[in-house]
PDB file of N, CA and C in Angstrom:
ATOM      1  N   MET A   1      20.976 -16.389   8.239  1.00  0.00           N
ATOM      2  CA  MET A   1      20.036 -15.703   7.685  1.00  0.00           C
ATOM      3  C   MET A   1      18.686 -15.313   8.748  1.00  0.00           C
ATOM      4  N   LYS A   2      18.256 -15.936   9.465  1.00  0.00           N
ATOM      5  CA  LYS A   2      17.088 -15.630  10.232  1.00  0.00           C
ATOM      6  C   LYS A   2      17.392 -14.383  11.013  1.00  0.00           C
ATOM      7  N   THR A   3      18.762 -14.207  11.596  1.00  0.00           N
ATOM      8  CA  THR A   3      19.238 -12.977  12.070  1.00  0.00           C
ATOM      9  C   THR A   3      18.696 -11.488  11.003  1.00  0.00           C
ATOM     10  N   ILE A   4      19.347 -11.796   9.535  1.00  0.00           N
ATOM     11  CA  ILE A   4      19.272 -10.749   8.952  1.00  0.00           C
ATOM     12  C   ILE A   4      17.757 -10.301   8.563  1.00  0.00           C
ATOM     13  N   LEU A   5      16.684 -11.447   8.325  1.00  0.00           N
ATOM     14  CA  LEU A   5      15.362 -11.556   8.079  1.00  0.00           C
ATOM     15  C   LEU A   5      14.757 -10.743   9.446  1.00  0.00           C
ATOM     16  N   LEU A   6      15.027 -11.345  10.696  1.00  0.00           N
ATOM     17  CA  LEU A   6      14.398 -10.426  11.810  1.00  0.00           C
ATOM     18  C   LEU A   6      15.051  -9.053  11.823  1.00  0.00           C
ATOM     19  N   ALA A   7      16.267  -8.580  11.519  1.00  0.00           N
ATOM     20  CA  ALA A   7      16.528  -7.491  11.526  1.00  0.00           C
ATOM     21  C   ALA A   7      15.664  -6.480  10.336  1.00  0.00           C
ATOM     22  N   ALA A   8      15.498  -7.004   9.223  1.00  0.00           N
ATOM     23  CA  ALA A   8      14.970  -6.408   8.462  1.00  0.00           C
ATOM     24  C   ALA A   8      13.443  -5.922   8.832  1.00  0.00           C
ATOM     25  N   CYS A   9      12.921  -7.011   9.273  1.00  0.00           N
ATOM     26  CA  CYS A   9      11.049  -6.743  10.126  1.00  0.00           C
ATOM     27  C   CYS A   9      11.304  -5.801  11.255  1.00  0.00           C
ATOM     28  N   LEU A  10      12.112  -5.612  11.981  1.00  0.00           N
ATOM     29  CA  LEU A  10      12.429  -4.959  12.918  1.00  0.00           C
ATOM     30  C   LEU A  10      12.691  -3.477  12.361  1.00  0.00           C
ATOM     31  N   THR A  11      13.477  -3.117  11.539  1.00  0.00           N
ATOM     32  CA  THR A  11      13.766  -1.913  11.129  1.00  0.00           C
ATOM     33  C   THR A  11      12.263  -1.696  10.092  1.00  0.00           C
ATOM     34  N   LEU A  12      11.726  -2.573   9.533  1.00  0.00           N
ATOM     35  CA  LEU A  12      10.502  -2.109   8.836  1.00  0.00           C
ATOM     36  C   LEU A  12       9.223  -1.327   9.672  1.00  0.00           C
ATOM     37  N   VAL A  13       9.204  -2.105  11.075  1.00  0.00           N
ATOM     38  CA  VAL A  13       8.405  -1.622  12.157  1.00  0.00           C
ATOM     39  C   VAL A  13       8.922  -0.335  12.659  1.00  0.00           C
ATOM     40  N   ALA A  14       9.961  -0.189  12.905  1.00  0.00           N
ATOM     41  CA  ALA A  14      10.369   1.373  13.519  1.00  0.00           C
ATOM     42  C   ALA A  14      10.094   2.377  12.179  1.00  0.00           C
ATOM     43  N   ALA A  15      10.623   2.336  10.913  1.00  0.00           N
ATOM     44  CA  ALA A  15      10.015   2.769   9.875  1.00  0.00           C
ATOM     45  C   ALA A  15       8.721   3.385   9.835  1.00  0.00           C
ATOM     46  N   GLN A  16       7.828   2.329   9.986  1.00  0.00           N
ATOM     47  CA  GLN A  16       6.512   2.711   9.955  1.00  0.00           C
ATOM     48  C   GLN A  16       6.030   3.491  11.323  1.00  0.00           C
ATOM     49  N   ALA A  17       6.729   3.507  12.672  1.00  0.00           N
ATOM     50  CA  ALA A  17       6.454   3.909  13.764  1.00  0.00           C
ATOM     51  C   ALA A  17       6.828   5.391  13.693  1.00  0.00           C
ATOM     52  N   GLN A  18       7.886   5.846  12.613  1.00  0.00           N
ATOM     53  CA  GLN A  18       8.241   7.282  12.761  1.00  0.00           C
ATOM     54  C   GLN A  18       7.766   7.810  11.373  1.00  0.00           C
ATOM     55  N   ALA A  19       6.416   6.988  10.561  1.00  0.00           N
ATOM     56  CA  ALA A  19       5.795   7.610   9.670  1.00  0.00           C
ATOM     57  C   ALA A  19       5.168   9.164  10.038  1.00  0.00           C
ATOM     58  N   ILE A  20       5.327  10.032   9.262  1.00  0.00           N
ATOM     59  CA  ILE A  20       4.160  11.581   9.836  1.00  0.00           C
ATOM     60  C   ILE A  20       3.085  11.023   9.088  1.00  0.00           C
ATOM     61  N   SER A  21       2.055  11.941   9.864  1.00  0.00           N
ATOM     62  CA  SER A  21       0.686  11.755   9.162  1.00  0.00           C
ATOM     63  C   SER A  21       0.606  12.936   8.139  1.00  0.00           C
ATOM     64  N   ARG A  22      -0.178  12.796   7.139  1.00  0.00           N
ATOM     65  CA  ARG A  22      -0.724  14.096   6.168  1.00  0.00           C
ATOM     66  C   ARG A  22      -2.158  14.402   6.413  1.00  0.00           C
ATOM     67  N   TYR A  23      -2.391  15.617   6.346  1.00  0.00           N
ATOM     68  CA  TYR A  23      -3.761  15.945   6.283  1.00  0.00           C
ATOM     69  C   TYR A  23      -4.027  17.189   5.531  1.00  0.00           C
ATOM     70  N   ASP A  24      -5.094  17.452   5.064  1.00  0.00           N
ATOM     71  CA  ASP A  24      -5.426  18.413   4.072  1.00  0.00           C
ATOM     72  C   ASP A  24      -6.274  19.117   5.201  1.00  0.00           C
ATOM     73  N   PRO A  25      -5.567  20.554   5.463  1.00  0.00           N
ATOM     74  CA  PRO A  25      -6.042  21.401   6.238  1.00  0.00           C
ATOM     75  C   PRO A  25      -7.648  22.193   5.991  1.00  0.00           C
ATOM     76  N   THR A  26      -7.801  22.050   4.743  1.00  0.00           N
ATOM     77  CA  THR A  26      -9.069  22.622   4.388  1.00  0.00           C
ATOM     78  C   THR A  26     -10.327  21.801   4.391  1.00  0.00           C
ATOM     79  N   ARG A  27      -9.888  20.672   4.943  1.00  0.00           N
ATOM     80  CA  ARG A  27     -11.016  19.918   4.962  1.00  0.00           C
ATOM     81  C   ARG A  27     -11.263  19.592   7.067  1.00  0.00           C
ATOM     82  N   LEU A  28     -10.647  20.569   7.401  1.00  0.00           N
ATOM     83  CA  LEU A  28     -10.619  20.719   8.760  1.00  0.00           C
ATOM     84  C   LEU A  28     -10.986  22.178   9.610  1.00  0.00           C
ATOM     85  N   SER A  29     -11.428  22.134  10.821  1.00  0.00           N
ATOM     86  CA  SER A  29     -11.534  23.562  11.236  1.00  0.00           C
ATOM     87  C   SER A  29     -10.237  23.846  12.022  1.00  0.00           C
ATOM     88  N   CYS A  30      -9.896  25.016  11.522  1.00  0.00           N
ATOM     89  CA  CYS A  30      -8.494  25.692  12.436  1.00  0.00           C
ATOM     90  C   CYS A  30      -8.052  24.989  13.701  1.00  0.00           C
ATOM     91  N   GLY A  31      -9.411  24.948  14.540  1.00  0.00           N
ATOM     92  CA  GLY A  31      -9.138  24.289  16.018  1.00  0.00           C
ATOM     93  C   GLY A  31      -8.827  22.823  16.060  1.00  0.00           C
ATOM     94  N   LYS A  32      -8.971  21.959  15.047  1.00  0.00           N
ATOM     95  CA  LYS A  32      -8.833  20.697  14.815  1.00  0.00           C
ATOM     96  C   LYS A  32      -7.672  20.573  14.228  1.00  0.00           C
ATOM     97  N   VAL A  33      -7.193  21.565  12.977  1.00  0.00           N
ATOM     98  CA  VAL A  33      -6.174  21.484  12.642  1.00  0.00           C
ATOM     99  C   VAL A  33      -4.842  21.457  13.732  1.00  0.00           C
ATOM    100  N   GLN A  34      -5.141  22.547  14.595  1.00  0.00           N
ATOM    101  CA  GLN A  34      -4.029  22.878  15.919  1.00  0.00           C
ATOM    102  C   GLN A  34      -4.038  22.010  16.737  1.00  0.00           C
ATOM    103  N   SER A  35      -5.319  20.913  17.076  1.00  0.00           N
ATOM    104  CA  SER A  35      -5.067  20.222  17.961  1.00  0.00           C
ATOM    105  C   SER A  35      -4.635  18.622  17.683  1.00  0.00           C
ATOM    106  N   THR A  36      -4.702  18.457  15.901  1.00  0.00           N
ATOM    107  CA  THR A  36      -3.698  17.513  15.583  1.00  0.00           C
ATOM    108  C   THR A  36      -2.472  17.631  15.690  1.00  0.00           C
ATOM    109  N   ILE A  37      -2.064  18.799  15.311  1.00  0.00           N
ATOM    110  CA  ILE A  37      -0.331  18.954  15.502  1.00  0.00           C
ATOM    111  C   ILE A  37      -0.171  18.644  16.963  1.00  0.00           C
ATOM    112  N   ALA A  38      -0.965  19.395  17.915  1.00  0.00           N
ATOM    113  CA  ALA A  38      -0.539  19.336  19.149  1.00  0.00           C
ATOM    114  C   ALA A  38      -0.558  17.955  19.637  1.00  0.00           C
ATOM    115  N   ARG A  39      -1.485  17.084  19.154  1.00  0.00           N
ATOM    116  CA  ARG A  39      -1.531  15.794  19.436  1.00  0.00           C
ATOM    117  C   ARG A  39      -0.326  14.991  19.250  1.00  0.00           C
ATOM    118  N   GLN A  40      -0.022  14.932  17.475  1.00  0.00           N
ATOM    119  CA  GLN A  40       0.832  14.499  17.051  1.00  0.00           C
ATOM    120  C   GLN A  40       2.609  14.752  17.007  1.00  0.00           C
ATOM    121  N   GLY A  41       2.448  16.040  17.753  1.00  0.00           N
ATOM    122  CA  GLY A  41       3.913  16.724  17.315  1.00  0.00           C
ATOM    123  C   GLY A  41       4.051  17.214  16.191  1.00  0.00           C
ATOM    124  N   ALA A  42       3.721  16.494  15.189  1.00  0.00           N
ATOM    125  CA  ALA A  42       4.394  17.031  13.537  1.00  0.00           C
ATOM    126  C   ALA A  42       3.580  16.454  12.491  1.00  0.00           C
ATOM    127  N   VAL A  43       3.296  17.051  11.725  1.00  0.00           N
ATOM    128  CA  VAL A  43       2.185  16.610  10.600  1.00  0.00           C
ATOM    129  C   VAL A  43       2.727  17.371   9.642  1.00  0.00           C
ATOM    130  N   ILE A  44       2.533  16.523   8.307  1.00  0.00           N
ATOM    131  CA  ILE A  44       2.300  17.587   6.880  1.00  0.00           C
ATOM    132  C   ILE A  44       1.020  18.043   6.636  1.00  0.00           C
ATOM    133  N   LEU A  45       1.288  18.952   6.193  1.00  0.00           N
ATOM    134  CA  LEU A  45      -0.247  19.789   5.723  1.00  0.00           C
ATOM    135  C   LEU A  45      -0.053  19.974   4.188  1.00  0.00           C
ATOM    136  N   ARG A  46      -0.970  19.469   3.400  1.00  0.00           N
ATOM    137  CA  ARG A  46      -1.137  19.496   2.110  1.00  0.00           C
ATOM    138  C   ARG A  46      -2.184  20.325   1.652  1.00  0.00           C
ATOM    139  N   TYR A  47      -2.103  21.230   0.650  1.00  0.00           N
ATOM    140  CA  TYR A  47      -3.250  21.751   0.169  1.00  0.00           C
ATOM    141  C   TYR A  47      -3.038  22.642  -0.922  1.00  0.00           C
ATOM    142  N   GLN A  48      -4.036  23.105  -1.781  1.00  0.00           N
ATOM    143  CA  GLN A  48      -4.196  23.768  -3.136  1.00  0.00           C
ATOM    144  C   GLN A  48      -3.916  25.202  -3.133  1.00  0.00           C
ATOM    145  N   SER A  49      -2.712  25.751  -3.590  1.00  0.00           N
ATOM    146  CA  SER A  49      -2.538  27.111  -3.598  1.00  0.00           C
ATOM    147  C   SER A  49      -3.350  27.808  -3.986  1.00  0.00           C
ATOM    148  N   ASN A  50      -3.796  29.278  -3.538  1.00  0.00           N
ATOM    149  CA  ASN A  50      -4.715  30.055  -4.024  1.00  0.00           C
ATOM    150  C   ASN A  50      -4.312  30.853  -5.152  1.00  0.00           C
ATOM    151  N   ARG A  51      -3.141  31.132  -5.317  1.00  0.00           N
ATOM    152  CA  ARG A  51      -2.476  32.321  -6.059  1.00  0.00           C
ATOM    153  C   ARG A  51      -2.300  31.064  -7.299  1.00  0.00           C
ATOM    154  N   VAL A  52      -1.926  30.073  -7.456  1.00  0.00           N
ATOM    155  CA  VAL A  52      -1.979  29.358  -8.823  1.00  0.00           C
ATOM    156  C   VAL A  52      -2.548  28.194  -8.855  1.00  0.00           C
ATOM    157  N   PRO A  53      -3.886  28.070  -9.457  1.00  0.00           N
ATOM    158  CA  PRO A  53      -4.385  26.820  -9.427  1.00  0.00           C
ATOM    159  C   PRO A  53      -3.863  25.634  -9.794  1.00  0.00           C
ATOM    160  N   GLY A  54      -4.286  24.719  -9.316  1.00  0.00           N
ATOM    161  CA  GLY A  54      -3.627  23.138  -9.366  1.00  0.00           C
ATOM    162  C   GLY A  54      -2.158  23.159  -8.825  1.00  0.00           C
ATOM    163  N   LEU A  55      -1.843  23.924  -8.091  1.00  0.00           N
ATOM    164  CA  LEU A  55      -0.512  23.887  -7.463  1.00  0.00           C
ATOM    165  C   LEU A  55      -0.230  23.605  -6.165  1.00  0.00           C
ATOM    166  N   PRO A  56      -0.074  22.058  -5.733  1.00  0.00           N
ATOM    167  CA  PRO A  56      -0.152  21.559  -4.428  1.00  0.00           C
ATOM    168  C   PRO A  56       0.936  22.537  -3.482  1.00  0.00           C
ATOM    169  N   LEU A  57       0.782  23.109  -2.492  1.00  0.00           N
ATOM    170  CA  LEU A  57       1.745  23.368  -1.224  1.00  0.00           C
ATOM    171  C   LEU A  57       1.426  22.235  -0.312  1.00  0.00           C
ATOM    172  N   TYR A  58       2.682  22.265   0.373  1.00  0.00           N
ATOM    173  CA  TYR A  58       2.704  21.315   1.408  1.00  0.00           C
ATOM    174  C   TYR A  58       3.980  21.688   2.282  1.00  0.00           C
ATOM    175  N   ASP A  59       4.234  21.315   3.812  1.00  0.00           N
ATOM    176  CA  ASP A  59       5.092  21.781   4.431  1.00  0.00           C
ATOM    177  C   ASP A  59       4.833  20.753   5.963  1.00  0.00           C
ATOM    178  N   ARG A  60       5.886  20.747   6.657  1.00  0.00           N
ATOM    179  CA  ARG A  60       6.168  20.009   8.142  1.00  0.00           C
ATOM    180  C   ARG A  60       5.818  20.707   8.952  1.00  0.00           C
ATOM    181  N   TYR A  61       4.416  20.728   9.758  1.00  0.00           N
ATOM    182  CA  TYR A  61       4.001  21.794  10.697  1.00  0.00           C
ATOM    183  C   TYR A  61       4.140  20.941  12.177  1.00  0.00           C
ATOM    184  N   VAL A  62       4.442  21.768  13.471  1.00  0.00           N
ATOM    185  CA  VAL A  62       5.265  21.092  14.681  1.00  0.00           C
ATOM    186  C   VAL A  62       4.375  21.864  15.765  1.00  0.00           C
ATOM    187  N   GLN A  63       4.620  21.215  16.568  1.00  0.00           N
ATOM    188  CA  GLN A  63       3.799  21.274  18.002  1.00  0.00           C
ATOM    189  C   GLN A  63       4.841  22.372  18.646  1.00  0.00           C
ATOM    190  N   SER A  64       6.140  21.889  18.857  1.00  0.00           N
ATOM    191  CA  SER A  64       7.147  22.954  19.548  1.00  0.00           C
ATOM    192  C   SER A  64       8.390  22.946  18.724  1.00  0.00           C
ATOM    193  N   GLN A  65       9.498  23.394  19.750  1.00  0.00           N
ATOM    194  CA  GLN A  65      10.753  23.536  18.848  1.00  0.00           C
ATOM    195  C   GLN A  65      11.574  22.185  18.947  1.00  0.00           C
ATOM    196  N   ARG A  66      11.179  21.242  19.839  1.00  0.00           N
ATOM    197  CA  ARG A  66      11.547  20.203  19.960  1.00  0.00           C
ATOM    198  C   ARG A  66      11.495  19.176  18.653  1.00  0.00           C
ATOM    199  N   PHE A  67      10.552  19.654  17.664  1.00  0.00           N
ATOM    200  CA  PHE A  67      10.387  18.698  16.432  1.00  0.00           C
ATOM    201  C   PHE A  67      11.390  19.368  15.527  1.00  0.00           C
ATOM    202  N   CYS A  68      11.876  20.339  15.831  1.00  0.00           N
ATOM    203  CA  CYS A  68      12.897  21.137  14.956  1.00  0.00           C
ATOM    204  C   CYS A  68      14.307  20.440  14.862  1.00  0.00           C
ATOM    205  N   THR A  69      15.011  20.295  13.681  1.00  0.00           N
ATOM    206  CA  THR A  69      16.432  20.032  13.737  1.00  0.00           C
ATOM    207  C   THR A  69      17.280  20.882  14.063  1.00  0.00           C
ATOM    208  N   ILE A  70      18.318  20.528  14.330  1.00  0.00           N
ATOM    209  CA  ILE A  70      19.598  21.528  14.835  1.00  0.00           C
ATOM    210  C   ILE A  70      19.599  22.544  13.888  1.00  0.00           C
ATOM    211  N   GLY A  71      19.695  23.822  13.895  1.00  0.00           N
ATOM    212  CA  GLY A  71      19.792  25.165  13.294  1.00  0.00           C
ATOM    213  C   GLY A  71      18.904  25.724  12.724  1.00  0.00           C
ATOM    214  N   GLU A  72      17.706  25.037  13.195  1.00  0.00           N
ATOM    215  CA  GLU A  72      16.237  25.205  12.447  1.00  0.00           C
ATOM    216  C   GLU A  72      15.706  26.023  13.926  1.00  0.00           C
ATOM    217  N   VAL A  73      14.780  26.969  13.453  1.00  0.00           N
ATOM    218  CA  VAL A  73      13.865  27.567  14.627  1.00  0.00           C
ATOM    219  C   VAL A  73      12.308  27.475  14.315  1.00  0.00           C
ATOM    220  N   ARG A  74      11.268  27.246  15.250  1.00  0.00           N
ATOM    221  CA  ARG A  74      10.020  27.208  14.815  1.00  0.00           C
ATOM    222  C   ARG A  74       9.420  28.917  14.624  1.00  0.00           C
ATOM    223  N   THR A  75       8.998  28.706  13.667  1.00  0.00           N
ATOM    224  CA  THR A  75       8.178  29.944  13.293  1.00  0.00           C
ATOM    225  C   THR A  75       6.943  29.516  12.972  1.00  0.00           C
ATOM    226  N   ARG A  76       6.171  31.239  13.083  1.00  0.00           N
ATOM    227  CA  ARG A  76       4.512  31.111  12.894  1.00  0.00           C
ATOM    228  C   ARG A  76       4.479  31.052  11.432  1.00  0.00           C
ATOM    229  N   ALA A  77       3.496  30.344  11.277  1.00  0.00           N
ATOM    230  CA  ALA A  77       2.925  30.076   9.909  1.00  0.00           C
ATOM    231  C   ALA A  77       1.690  29.806   9.677  1.00  0.00           C
ATOM    232  N   TYR A  78       0.831  30.204   8.334  1.00  0.00           N
ATOM    233  CA  TYR A  78      -0.781  30.349   8.267  1.00  0.00           C
ATOM    234  C   TYR A  78      -1.169  29.297   7.454  1.00  0.00           C
ATOM    235  N   VAL A  79      -2.076  28.589   7.708  1.00  0.00           N
ATOM    236  CA  VAL A  79      -2.360  27.681   6.376  1.00  0.00           C
ATOM    237  C   VAL A  79      -4.073  27.633   6.326  1.00  0.00           C
ATOM    238  N   PRO A  80      -4.563  27.432   5.218  1.00  0.00           N
ATOM    239  CA  PRO A  80      -6.187  27.639   5.150  1.00  0.00           C
ATOM    240  C   PRO A  80      -6.586  26.461   5.706  1.00  0.00           C
ATOM    241  N   SER A  81      -7.842  26.765   6.372  1.00  0.00           N
ATOM    242  CA  SER A  81      -8.727  25.606   7.088  1.00  0.00           C
ATOM    243  C   SER A  81      -9.894  25.606   6.476  1.00  0.00           C
ATOM    244  N   ALA A  82     -10.770  24.623   7.050  1.00  0.00           N
ATOM    245  CA  ALA A  82     -12.251  25.076   6.506  1.00  0.00           C
ATOM    246  C   ALA A  82     -13.230  26.164   7.022  1.00  0.00           C
ATOM    247  N   ASP A  83     -12.747  26.746   8.081  1.00  0.00           N
ATOM    248  CA  ASP A  83     -13.522  27.975   8.609  1.00  0.00           C
ATOM    249  C   ASP A  83     -12.617  29.291   8.662  1.00  0.00           C
ATOM    250  N   THR A  84     -11.476  29.151   7.943  1.00  0.00           N
ATOM    251  CA  THR A  84     -10.512  30.317   8.021  1.00  0.00           C
ATOM    252  C   THR A  84      -9.872  30.496   6.905  1.00  0.00           C
ATOM    253  N   LYS A  85      -9.398  31.482   6.420  1.00  0.00           N
ATOM    254  CA  LYS A  85      -8.284  31.616   5.535  1.00  0.00           C
ATOM    255  C   LYS A  85      -6.764  31.497   5.959  1.00  0.00           C
ATOM    256  N   SER A  86      -6.619  31.797   7.242  1.00  0.00           N
ATOM    257  CA  SER A  86      -5.387  32.122   8.119  1.00  0.00           C
ATOM    258  C   SER A  86      -5.248  31.097   9.276  1.00  0.00           C
ATOM    259  N   CYS A  87      -5.053  30.030   9.644  1.00  0.00           N
ATOM    260  CA  CYS A  87      -5.284  29.219  10.643  1.00  0.00           C
ATOM    261  C   CYS A  87      -3.787  29.644  10.982  1.00  0.00           C
ATOM    262  N   PRO A  88      -3.246  29.828  12.202  1.00  0.00           N
ATOM    263  CA  PRO A  88      -2.033  29.877  12.756  1.00  0.00           C
ATOM    264  C   PRO A  88      -1.393  28.702  13.027  1.00  0.00           C
ATOM    265  N   VAL A  89      -0.597  28.256  12.719  1.00  0.00           N
ATOM    266  CA  VAL A  89       0.544  27.033  13.220  1.00  0.00           C
ATOM    267  C   VAL A  89       1.937  27.489  13.155  1.00  0.00           C
ATOM    268  N   TYR A  90       2.643  26.404  13.244  1.00  0.00           N
ATOM    269  CA  TYR A  90       4.059  26.685  13.394  1.00  0.00           C
ATOM    270  C   TYR A  90       4.699  25.520  12.259  1.00  0.00           C
ATOM    271  N   ASN A  91       5.909  25.950  11.969  1.00  0.00           N
ATOM    272  CA  ASN A  91       6.833  25.181  11.156  1.00  0.00           C
ATOM    273  C   ASN A  91       8.344  25.179  11.405  1.00  0.00           C
ATOM    274  N   CYS A  92       9.111  24.340  11.157  1.00  0.00           N
ATOM    275  CA  CYS A  92      10.508  24.672  11.171  1.00  0.00           C
ATOM    276  C   CYS A  92      11.301  25.129  10.171  1.00  0.00           C
ATOM    277  N   LYS A  93      12.114  26.305  10.516  1.00  0.00           N
ATOM    278  CA  LYS A  93      12.878  27.178   9.281  1.00  0.00           C
ATOM    279  C   LYS A  93      14.427  27.225   9.571  1.00  0.00           C
ATOM    280  N   ARG A  94      15.020  27.119   8.743  1.00  0.00           N
ATOM    281  CA  ARG A  94      16.608  27.433   8.612  1.00  0.00           C
ATOM    282  C   ARG A  94      16.703  28.565   9.742  1.00  0.00           C
ATOM    283  N   ARG A  95      17.865  29.085  10.400  1.00  0.00           N
ATOM    284  CA  ARG A  95      17.829  30.143  11.080  1.00  0.00           C
ATOM    285  C   ARG A  95      18.519  31.028  10.072  1.00  0.00           C
ATOM    286  N   ASP A  96      18.054  32.265  10.025  1.00  0.00           N
ATOM    287  CA  ASP A  96      18.842  33.244   9.003  1.00  0.00           C
ATOM    288  C   ASP A  96      19.745  34.027   9.708  1.00  0.00           C
ATOM    289  N   ASN A  97      20.972  33.669   9.398  1.00  0.00           N
ATOM    290  CA  ASN A  97      22.014  34.044  10.147  1.00  0.00           C
ATOM    291  C   ASN A  97      22.583  35.390   9.349  1.00  0.00           C
ATOM    292  N   GLU A  98      21.890  35.842   8.113  1.00  0.00           N
ATOM    293  CA  GLU A  98      22.707  36.614   7.344  1.00  0.00           C
ATOM    294  C   GLU A  98      22.959  37.936   7.427  1.00  0.00           C
ATOM    295  N   HIS A  99      21.946  38.360   8.819  1.00  0.00           N
ATOM    296  CA  HIS A  99      21.867  40.127   9.253  1.00  0.00           C
ATOM    297  C   HIS A  99      23.169  39.790  10.148  1.00  0.00           C
ATOM    298  N   PHE A 100      23.274  38.806  10.881  1.00  0.00           N
ATOM    299  CA  PHE A 100      24.572  38.545  11.502  1.00  0.00           C
ATOM    300  C   PHE A 100      25.621  38.705  11.285  1.00  0.00           C
ATOM    301  N   ARG A 101      25.884  38.012  10.151  1.00  0.00           N
ATOM    302  CA  ARG A 101      27.253  38.028   9.271  1.00  0.00           C
ATOM    303  C   ARG A 101      27.573  39.535   8.749  1.00  0.00           C
ATOM    304  N   HIS A 102      26.501  40.020   8.222  1.00  0.00           N
ATOM    305  CA  HIS A 102      26.478  41.409   7.714  1.00  0.00           C
ATOM    306  C   HIS A 102      27.283  42.376   8.551  1.00  0.00           C
ATOM    307  N   ARG A 103      26.809  42.327  10.058  1.00  0.00           N
ATOM    308  CA  ARG A 103      26.806  43.286  10.877  1.00  0.00           C
ATOM    309  C   ARG A 103      28.508  42.671  11.424  1.00  0.00           C
ATOM    310  N   PHE A 104      29.010  41.626  11.449  1.00  0.00           N
ATOM    311  CA  PHE A 104      30.062  41.297  11.767  1.00  0.00           C
ATOM    312  C   PHE A 104      31.133  41.642  10.933  1.00  0.00           C
ATOM    313  N   ILE A 105      31.128  41.513   9.777  1.00  0.00           N
ATOM    314  CA  ILE A 105      31.837  42.057   8.647  1.00  0.00           C
ATOM    315  C   ILE A 105      31.865  43.232   8.607  1.00  0.00           C
ATOM    316  N   ARG A 106      30.907  44.234   8.760  1.00  0.00           N
ATOM    317  CA  ARG A 106      31.062  45.437   8.970  1.00  0.00           C
ATOM    318  C   ARG A 106      31.879  46.312  10.006  1.00  0.00           C
ATOM    319  N   ARG A 107      31.710  45.601  10.782  1.00  0.00           N
ATOM    320  CA  ARG A 107      32.488  45.638  12.168  1.00  0.00           C
ATOM    321  C   ARG A 107      33.733  45.727  12.370  1.00  0.00           C
ATOM    322  N   HIS A 108      34.424  44.701  11.595  1.00  0.00           N
ATOM    323  CA  HIS A 108      35.913  44.267  11.516  1.00  0.00           C
ATOM    324  C   HIS A 108      36.542  44.462  10.078  1.00  0.00           C
TER     325      HIS A 108
END
């Protein structure tokens, strides 16, 4: 029983260590958004859509390719910040192999 309790406690501590921080980029300068991502490696940025009032938008933004999973690539993205409407950041997206598939199918 003590072993199970100890294992449960260690699992909880590990889960908390892997928790990802969440920020509202519209409350930070663009430089602060970028430095926060660089310092933490990966963060979730959540903000309100400009096109659809009341619609929250969020995604995971990363410092480098090593924070992406297999099959994903780091791509440029833009988020609003306190001092600009388009702060350049990076997120991970699934690799789009569709055009490779079409080229391969057409050739053979």
